[in-house]
Structure formats: C-alpha cells, structure tokens
Amino acid sequence: MPANDENDLEMKAKQIVEQHAQDMDKYDAALERYTKSLPPVERAASKQKAKDAARQQKGYIKQRAEEEKLKGISSEV
C-alpha cells in the first residue's frame, strides 16, 4: 500500500477514534443526567440491574477462560 494511502487511513482512523471518544463522553453525561432524574426506587432498581449484569458478565468471562484452559489441556494430550 502506498505511504499516502496508509497515512490517509491512519488519519481517518484517528478521527474516528476521537469522535467515538467524544460521543461516549456525551452518552455517559446523558446517562448520568437520566439516572439522577429517576425517583429513588427506580434509581436503586437500575443500580441493582447494572450490578447483576456486571456479575453475569464476570461469570461469563470466567467460564470462557476455564473452557479455553481445558481446550489447551486437551489439545496437549
């Protein structure tokens, strides 16, 4: 690939990454404003739902790591 094309692609990628970071900052701010606007009961339920989702994700990651470990062991045998 010519150097000019490579530089153009790198610049576009950098712009996309920067735009994504800005969009995520805006999203996080909007989510925080929304969460603060909820009544206390709904806010607590939302926090619990987020904790449950994080716990489930952590369990999934742990399970996948164990499966990969077992695959590595079985392929060595």
PDB file of N, CA and C in Angstrom:
ATOM      1  N   MET A   1       0.853  -1.174   0.000  1.00  0.00           N
ATOM      2  CA  MET A   1       0.000   0.000   0.000  1.00  0.00           C
ATOM      3  C   MET A   1       0.897   1.235   0.000  1.00  0.00           C
ATOM      4  N   PRO A   2       0.600   2.172  -0.843  1.00  0.00           N
ATOM      5  CA  PRO A   2       1.413   3.388  -0.878  1.00  0.00           C
ATOM      6  C   PRO A   2       1.358   4.144   0.444  1.00  0.00           C
ATOM      7  N   ALA A   3       2.423   4.860   0.737  1.00  0.00           N
ATOM      8  CA  ALA A   3       2.525   5.586   2.006  1.00  0.00           C
ATOM      9  C   ALA A   3       1.417   6.626   2.150  1.00  0.00           C
ATOM     10  N   ASN A   4       1.039   7.273   1.025  1.00  0.00           N
ATOM     11  CA  ASN A   4      -0.024   8.295   1.076  1.00  0.00           C
ATOM     12  C   ASN A   4      -1.338   7.680   1.535  1.00  0.00           C
ATOM     13  N   ASP A   5      -1.689   6.520   0.969  1.00  0.00           N
ATOM     14  CA  ASP A   5      -2.932   5.858   1.345  1.00  0.00           C
ATOM     15  C   ASP A   5      -2.895   5.429   2.801  1.00  0.00           C
ATOM     16  N   GLU A   6      -1.760   4.930   3.218  1.00  0.00           N
ATOM     17  CA  GLU A   6      -1.610   4.470   4.602  1.00  0.00           C
ATOM     18  C   GLU A   6      -1.771   5.642   5.572  1.00  0.00           C
ATOM     19  N   ASN A   7      -1.154   6.777   5.254  1.00  0.00           N
ATOM     20  CA  ASN A   7      -1.277   7.960   6.109  1.00  0.00           C
ATOM     21  C   ASN A   7      -2.717   8.451   6.162  1.00  0.00           C
ATOM     22  N   ASP A   8      -3.397   8.437   5.005  1.00  0.00           N
ATOM     23  CA  ASP A   8      -4.796   8.863   4.963  1.00  0.00           C
ATOM     24  C   ASP A   8      -5.658   7.964   5.839  1.00  0.00           C
ATOM     25  N   LEU A   9      -5.432   6.675   5.749  1.00  0.00           N
ATOM     26  CA  LEU A   9      -6.209   5.730   6.552  1.00  0.00           C
ATOM     27  C   LEU A   9      -5.935   5.913   8.038  1.00  0.00           C
ATOM     28  N   GLU A  10      -4.684   6.142   8.382  1.00  0.00           N
ATOM     29  CA  GLU A  10      -4.336   6.368   9.785  1.00  0.00           C
ATOM     30  C   GLU A  10      -4.994   7.642  10.312  1.00  0.00           C
ATOM     31  N   MET A  11      -5.031   8.674   9.496  1.00  0.00           N
ATOM     32  CA  MET A  11      -5.667   9.928   9.912  1.00  0.00           C
ATOM     33  C   MET A  11      -7.172   9.733  10.093  1.00  0.00           C
ATOM     34  N   LYS A  12      -7.801   9.011   9.160  1.00  0.00           N
ATOM     35  CA  LYS A  12      -9.234   8.750   9.267  1.00  0.00           C
ATOM     36  C   LYS A  12      -9.536   7.909  10.511  1.00  0.00           C
ATOM     37  N   ALA A  13      -8.699   6.921  10.762  1.00  0.00           N
ATOM     38  CA  ALA A  13      -8.893   6.076  11.940  1.00  0.00           C
ATOM     39  C   ALA A  13      -8.762   6.899  13.211  1.00  0.00           C
ATOM     40  N   LYS A  14      -7.791   7.782  13.256  1.00  0.00           N
ATOM     41  CA  LYS A  14      -7.595   8.636  14.429  1.00  0.00           C
ATOM     42  C   LYS A  14      -8.806   9.534  14.640  1.00  0.00           C
ATOM     43  N   GLN A  15      -9.340  10.091  13.551  1.00  0.00           N
ATOM     44  CA  GLN A  15     -10.527  10.940  13.651  1.00  0.00           C
ATOM     45  C   GLN A  15     -11.728  10.150  14.163  1.00  0.00           C
ATOM     46  N   ILE A  16     -11.879   8.941  13.680  1.00  0.00           N
ATOM     47  CA  ILE A  16     -12.996   8.098  14.100  1.00  0.00           C
ATOM     48  C   ILE A  16     -12.871   7.764  15.581  1.00  0.00           C
ATOM     49  N   VAL A  17     -11.668   7.440  16.026  1.00  0.00           N
ATOM     50  CA  VAL A  17     -11.446   7.122  17.441  1.00  0.00           C
ATOM     51  C   VAL A  17     -11.745   8.339  18.307  1.00  0.00           C
ATOM     52  N   GLU A  18     -11.295   9.501  17.889  1.00  0.00           N
ATOM     53  CA  GLU A  18     -11.560  10.726  18.645  1.00  0.00           C
ATOM     54  C   GLU A  18     -13.050  11.034  18.688  1.00  0.00           C
ATOM     55  N   GLN A  19     -13.735  10.874  17.556  1.00  0.00           N
ATOM     56  CA  GLN A  19     -15.171  11.122  17.510  1.00  0.00           C
ATOM     57  C   GLN A  19     -15.911  10.143  18.417  1.00  0.00           C
ATOM     58  N   HIS A  20     -15.481   8.906  18.414  1.00  0.00           N
ATOM     59  CA  HIS A  20     -16.101   7.890  19.269  1.00  0.00           C
ATOM     60  C   HIS A  20     -15.920   8.265  20.743  1.00  0.00           C
ATOM     61  N   ALA A  21     -14.739   8.704  21.109  1.00  0.00           N
ATOM     62  CA  ALA A  21     -14.479   9.101  22.498  1.00  0.00           C
ATOM     63  C   ALA A  21     -15.379  10.269  22.892  1.00  0.00           C
ATOM     64  N   GLN A  22     -15.544  11.240  21.998  1.00  0.00           N
ATOM     65  CA  GLN A  22     -16.425  12.373  22.281  1.00  0.00           C
ATOM     66  C   GLN A  22     -17.874  11.909  22.424  1.00  0.00           C
ATOM     67  N   ASP A  23     -18.298  11.033  21.530  1.00  0.00           N
ATOM     68  CA  ASP A  23     -19.666  10.507  21.589  1.00  0.00           C
ATOM     69  C   ASP A  23     -19.905   9.733  22.882  1.00  0.00           C
ATOM     70  N   MET A  24     -18.922   8.965  23.316  1.00  0.00           N
ATOM     71  CA  MET A  24     -19.061   8.204  24.559  1.00  0.00           C
ATOM     72  C   MET A  24     -19.135   9.140  25.761  1.00  0.00           C
ATOM     73  N   ASP A  25     -18.365  10.222  25.741  1.00  0.00           N
ATOM     74  CA  ASP A  25     -18.435  11.206  26.826  1.00  0.00           C
ATOM     75  C   ASP A  25     -19.834  11.817  26.888  1.00  0.00           C
ATOM     76  N   LYS A  26     -20.386  12.179  25.733  1.00  0.00           N
ATOM     77  CA  LYS A  26     -21.743  12.737  25.682  1.00  0.00           C
ATOM     78  C   LYS A  26     -22.765  11.716  26.191  1.00  0.00           C
ATOM     79  N   TYR A  27     -22.602  10.473  25.770  1.00  0.00           N
ATOM     80  CA  TYR A  27     -23.524   9.417  26.200  1.00  0.00           C
ATOM     81  C   TYR A  27     -23.462   9.225  27.712  1.00  0.00           C
ATOM     82  N   ASP A  28     -22.247   9.149  28.246  1.00  0.00           N
ATOM     83  CA  ASP A  28     -22.080   8.967  29.694  1.00  0.00           C
ATOM     84  C   ASP A  28     -22.723  10.116  30.472  1.00  0.00           C
ATOM     85  N   ALA A  29     -22.541  11.349  29.985  1.00  0.00           N
ATOM     86  CA  ALA A  29     -23.130  12.507  30.651  1.00  0.00           C
ATOM     87  C   ALA A  29     -24.660  12.435  30.590  1.00  0.00           C
ATOM     88  N   ALA A  30     -25.207  12.071  29.438  1.00  0.00           N
ATOM     89  CA  ALA A  30     -26.664  11.962  29.296  1.00  0.00           C
ATOM     90  C   ALA A  30     -27.214  10.850  30.178  1.00  0.00           C
ATOM     91  N   LEU A  31     -26.513   9.743  30.255  1.00  0.00           N
ATOM     92  CA  LEU A  31     -26.953   8.631  31.096  1.00  0.00           C
ATOM     93  C   LEU A  31     -26.946   9.037  32.568  1.00  0.00           C
ATOM     94  N   GLU A  32     -25.915   9.758  32.968  1.00  0.00           N
ATOM     95  CA  GLU A  32     -25.831  10.212  34.361  1.00  0.00           C
ATOM     96  C   GLU A  32     -26.980  11.175  34.689  1.00  0.00           C
ATOM     97  N   ARG A  33     -27.263  12.107  33.772  1.00  0.00           N
ATOM     98  CA  ARG A  33     -28.381  13.037  33.988  1.00  0.00           C
ATOM     99  C   ARG A  33     -29.697  12.265  34.095  1.00  0.00           C
ATOM    100  N   TYR A  34     -29.877  11.282  33.217  1.00  0.00           N
ATOM    101  CA  TYR A  34     -31.103  10.483  33.247  1.00  0.00           C
ATOM    102  C   TYR A  34     -31.224   9.726  34.563  1.00  0.00           C
ATOM    103  N   THR A  35     -30.136   9.092  34.974  1.00  0.00           N
ATOM    104  CA  THR A  35     -30.148   8.310  36.209  1.00  0.00           C
ATOM    105  C   THR A  35     -30.473   9.195  37.409  1.00  0.00           C
ATOM    106  N   LYS A  36     -29.903  10.390  37.443  1.00  0.00           N
ATOM    107  CA  LYS A  36     -30.166  11.309  38.558  1.00  0.00           C
ATOM    108  C   LYS A  36     -31.610  11.799  38.551  1.00  0.00           C
ATOM    109  N   SER A  37     -32.247  11.804  37.395  1.00  0.00           N
ATOM    110  CA  SER A  37     -33.623  12.291  37.314  1.00  0.00           C
ATOM    111  C   SER A  37     -34.643  11.241  37.752  1.00  0.00           C
ATOM    112  N   LEU A  38     -34.207   9.993  37.904  1.00  0.00           N
ATOM    113  CA  LEU A  38     -35.125   8.924  38.304  1.00  0.00           C
ATOM    114  C   LEU A  38     -35.509   9.053  39.769  1.00  0.00           C
ATOM    115  N   PRO A  39     -36.714   8.601  40.109  1.00  0.00           N
ATOM    116  CA  PRO A  39     -37.083   8.535  41.525  1.00  0.00           C
ATOM    117  C   PRO A  39     -36.157   7.547  42.246  1.00  0.00           C
ATOM    118  N   PRO A  40     -35.972   7.694  43.545  1.00  0.00           N
ATOM    119  CA  PRO A  40     -35.040   6.846  44.295  1.00  0.00           C
ATOM    120  C   PRO A  40     -35.271   5.345  44.115  1.00  0.00           C
ATOM    121  N   VAL A  41     -36.518   4.920  44.085  1.00  0.00           N
ATOM    122  CA  VAL A  41     -36.803   3.489  43.953  1.00  0.00           C
ATOM    123  C   VAL A  41     -36.326   2.972  42.593  1.00  0.00           C
ATOM    124  N   GLU A  42     -36.633   3.727  41.545  1.00  0.00           N
ATOM    125  CA  GLU A  42     -36.200   3.307  40.208  1.00  0.00           C
ATOM    126  C   GLU A  42     -34.684   3.394  40.067  1.00  0.00           C
ATOM    127  N   ARG A  43     -34.082   4.387  40.703  1.00  0.00           N
ATOM    128  CA  ARG A  43     -32.628   4.531  40.652  1.00  0.00           C
ATOM    129  C   ARG A  43     -31.956   3.325  41.319  1.00  0.00           C
ATOM    130  N   ALA A  44     -32.490   2.888  42.442  1.00  0.00           N
ATOM    131  CA  ALA A  44     -31.945   1.722  43.142  1.00  0.00           C
ATOM    132  C   ALA A  44     -32.118   0.467  42.292  1.00  0.00           C
ATOM    133  N   ALA A  45     -33.275   0.330  41.659  1.00  0.00           N
ATOM    134  CA  ALA A  45     -33.510  -0.826  40.802  1.00  0.00           C
ATOM    135  C   ALA A  45     -32.553  -0.818  39.616  1.00  0.00           C
ATOM    136  N   SER A  46     -32.291   0.355  39.064  1.00  0.00           N
ATOM    137  CA  SER A  46     -31.364   0.482  37.939  1.00  0.00           C
ATOM    138  C   SER A  46     -29.947   0.101  38.355  1.00  0.00           C
ATOM    139  N   LYS A  47     -29.531   0.556  39.541  1.00  0.00           N
ATOM    140  CA  LYS A  47     -28.194   0.212  40.037  1.00  0.00           C
ATOM    141  C   LYS A  47     -28.073  -1.295  40.259  1.00  0.00           C
ATOM    142  N   GLN A  48     -29.127  -1.893  40.818  1.00  0.00           N
ATOM    143  CA  GLN A  48     -29.098  -3.335  41.058  1.00  0.00           C
ATOM    144  C   GLN A  48     -29.032  -4.099  39.746  1.00  0.00           C
ATOM    145  N   LYS A  49     -29.768  -3.632  38.757  1.00  0.00           N
ATOM    146  CA  LYS A  49     -29.752  -4.273  37.443  1.00  0.00           C
ATOM    147  C   LYS A  49     -28.351  -4.196  36.828  1.00  0.00           C
ATOM    148  N   ALA A  50     -27.699  -3.054  36.976  1.00  0.00           N
ATOM    149  CA  ALA A  50     -26.336  -2.886  36.459  1.00  0.00           C
ATOM    150  C   ALA A  50     -25.366  -3.813  37.183  1.00  0.00           C
ATOM    151  N   LYS A  51     -25.526  -3.935  38.513  1.00  0.00           N
ATOM    152  CA  LYS A  51     -24.659  -4.839  39.278  1.00  0.00           C
ATOM    153  C   LYS A  51     -24.859  -6.287  38.839  1.00  0.00           C
ATOM    154  N   ASP A  52     -26.120  -6.666  38.647  1.00  0.00           N
ATOM    155  CA  ASP A  52     -26.414  -8.028  38.212  1.00  0.00           C
ATOM    156  C   ASP A  52     -25.818  -8.315  36.836  1.00  0.00           C
ATOM    157  N   ALA A  53     -25.922  -7.352  35.939  1.00  0.00           N
ATOM    158  CA  ALA A  53     -25.366  -7.519  34.600  1.00  0.00           C
ATOM    159  C   ALA A  53     -23.843  -7.648  34.658  1.00  0.00           C
ATOM    160  N   ALA A  54     -23.208  -6.842  35.501  1.00  0.00           N
ATOM    161  CA  ALA A  54     -21.753  -6.911  35.642  1.00  0.00           C
ATOM    162  C   ALA A  54     -21.335  -8.256  36.228  1.00  0.00           C
ATOM    163  N   ARG A  55     -22.082  -8.726  37.215  1.00  0.00           N
ATOM    164  CA  ARG A  55     -21.784 -10.021  37.830  1.00  0.00           C
ATOM    165  C   ARG A  55     -21.935 -11.149  36.801  1.00  0.00           C
ATOM    166  N   GLN A  56     -22.987 -11.064  36.000  1.00  0.00           N
ATOM    167  CA  GLN A  56     -23.220 -12.081  34.976  1.00  0.00           C
ATOM    168  C   GLN A  56     -22.099 -12.061  33.938  1.00  0.00           C
ATOM    169  N   GLN A  57     -21.684 -10.874  33.523  1.00  0.00           N
ATOM    170  CA  GLN A  57     -20.597 -10.742  32.556  1.00  0.00           C
ATOM    171  C   GLN A  57     -19.300 -11.313  33.120  1.00  0.00           C
ATOM    172  N   LYS A  58     -19.031 -11.033  34.382  1.00  0.00           N
ATOM    173  CA  LYS A  58     -17.822 -11.546  35.020  1.00  0.00           C
ATOM    174  C   LYS A  58     -17.847 -13.075  35.060  1.00  0.00           C
ATOM    175  N   GLY A  59     -19.003 -13.646  35.375  1.00  0.00           N
ATOM    176  CA  GLY A  59     -19.136 -15.101  35.386  1.00  0.00           C
ATOM    177  C   GLY A  59     -18.937 -15.695  34.008  1.00  0.00           C
ATOM    178  N   TYR A  60     -19.452 -15.016  32.998  1.00  0.00           N
ATOM    179  CA  TYR A  60     -19.296 -15.486  31.621  1.00  0.00           C
ATOM    180  C   TYR A  60     -17.824 -15.466  31.216  1.00  0.00           C
ATOM    181  N   ILE A  61     -17.127 -14.402  31.560  1.00  0.00           N
ATOM    182  CA  ILE A  61     -15.703 -14.300  31.220  1.00  0.00           C
ATOM    183  C   ILE A  61     -14.914 -15.389  31.929  1.00  0.00           C
ATOM    184  N   LYS A  62     -15.235 -15.634  33.190  1.00  0.00           N
ATOM    185  CA  LYS A  62     -14.548 -16.678  33.946  1.00  0.00           C
ATOM    186  C   LYS A  62     -14.807 -18.049  33.331  1.00  0.00           C
ATOM    187  N   GLN A  63     -16.052 -18.296  32.936  1.00  0.00           N
ATOM    188  CA  GLN A  63     -16.407 -19.576  32.314  1.00  0.00           C
ATOM    189  C   GLN A  63     -15.653 -19.766  30.994  1.00  0.00           C
ATOM    190  N   ARG A  64     -15.581 -18.711  30.181  1.00  0.00           N
ATOM    191  CA  ARG A  64     -14.865 -18.798  28.901  1.00  0.00           C
ATOM    192  C   ARG A  64     -13.376 -19.072  29.128  1.00  0.00           C
ATOM    193  N   ALA A  65     -12.794 -18.460  30.149  1.00  0.00           N
ATOM    194  CA  ALA A  65     -11.376 -18.674  30.451  1.00  0.00           C
ATOM    195  C   ALA A  65     -11.140 -20.122  30.860  1.00  0.00           C
ATOM    196  N   GLU A  66     -12.048 -20.671  31.662  1.00  0.00           N
ATOM    197  CA  GLU A  66     -11.912 -22.067  32.073  1.00  0.00           C
ATOM    198  C   GLU A  66     -12.057 -23.003  30.881  1.00  0.00           C
ATOM    199  N   GLU A  67     -12.991 -22.694  29.975  1.00  0.00           N
ATOM    200  CA  GLU A  67     -13.162 -23.518  28.776  1.00  0.00           C
ATOM    201  C   GLU A  67     -11.911 -23.478  27.904  1.00  0.00           C
ATOM    202  N   GLU A  68     -11.337 -22.284  27.746  1.00  0.00           N
ATOM    203  CA  GLU A  68     -10.117 -22.154  26.953  1.00  0.00           C
ATOM    204  C   GLU A  68      -8.965 -22.925  27.590  1.00  0.00           C
ATOM    205  N   LYS A  69      -8.901 -22.877  28.904  1.00  0.00           N
ATOM    206  CA  LYS A  69      -7.852 -23.606  29.640  1.00  0.00           C
ATOM    207  C   LYS A  69      -8.014 -25.099  29.398  1.00  0.00           C
ATOM    208  N   LEU A  70      -9.250 -25.595  29.473  1.00  0.00           N
ATOM    209  CA  LEU A  70      -9.495 -27.020  29.241  1.00  0.00           C
ATOM    210  C   LEU A  70      -9.186 -27.415  27.810  1.00  0.00           C
ATOM    211  N   LYS A  71      -9.492 -26.550  26.862  1.00  0.00           N
ATOM    212  CA  LYS A  71      -9.171 -26.830  25.471  1.00  0.00           C
ATOM    213  C   LYS A  71      -7.660 -26.937  25.285  1.00  0.00           C
ATOM    214  N   GLY A  72      -6.933 -26.064  25.959  1.00  0.00           N
ATOM    215  CA  GLY A  72      -5.472 -26.089  25.859  1.00  0.00           C
ATOM    216  C   GLY A  72      -4.903 -27.375  26.436  1.00  0.00           C
ATOM    217  N   ILE A  73      -5.475 -27.844  27.525  1.00  0.00           N
ATOM    218  CA  ILE A  73      -5.019 -29.072  28.150  1.00  0.00           C
ATOM    219  C   ILE A  73      -5.353 -30.272  27.271  1.00  0.00           C
ATOM    220  N   SER A  74      -6.569 -30.316  26.728  1.00  0.00           N
ATOM    221  CA  SER A  74      -6.981 -31.456  25.920  1.00  0.00           C
ATOM    222  C   SER A  74      -6.227 -31.526  24.594  1.00  0.00           C
ATOM    223  N   SER A  75      -5.809 -30.379  24.058  1.00  0.00           N
ATOM    224  CA  SER A  75      -5.067 -30.401  22.796  1.00  0.00           C
ATOM    225  C   SER A  75      -3.637 -30.851  22.999  1.00  0.00           C
ATOM    226  N   GLU A  76      -3.119 -30.729  24.216  1.00  0.00           N
ATOM    227  CA  GLU A  76      -1.756 -31.172  24.507  1.00  0.00           C
ATOM    228  C   GLU A  76      -1.670 -32.683  24.639  1.00  0.00           C
ATOM    229  N   VAL A  77      -2.790 -33.311  24.990  1.00  0.00           N
ATOM    230  CA  VAL A  77      -2.801 -34.752  25.248  1.00  0.00           C
ATOM    231  C   VAL A  77      -2.820 -35.524  23.992  1.00  0.00           C
TER     232      VAL A  77
END
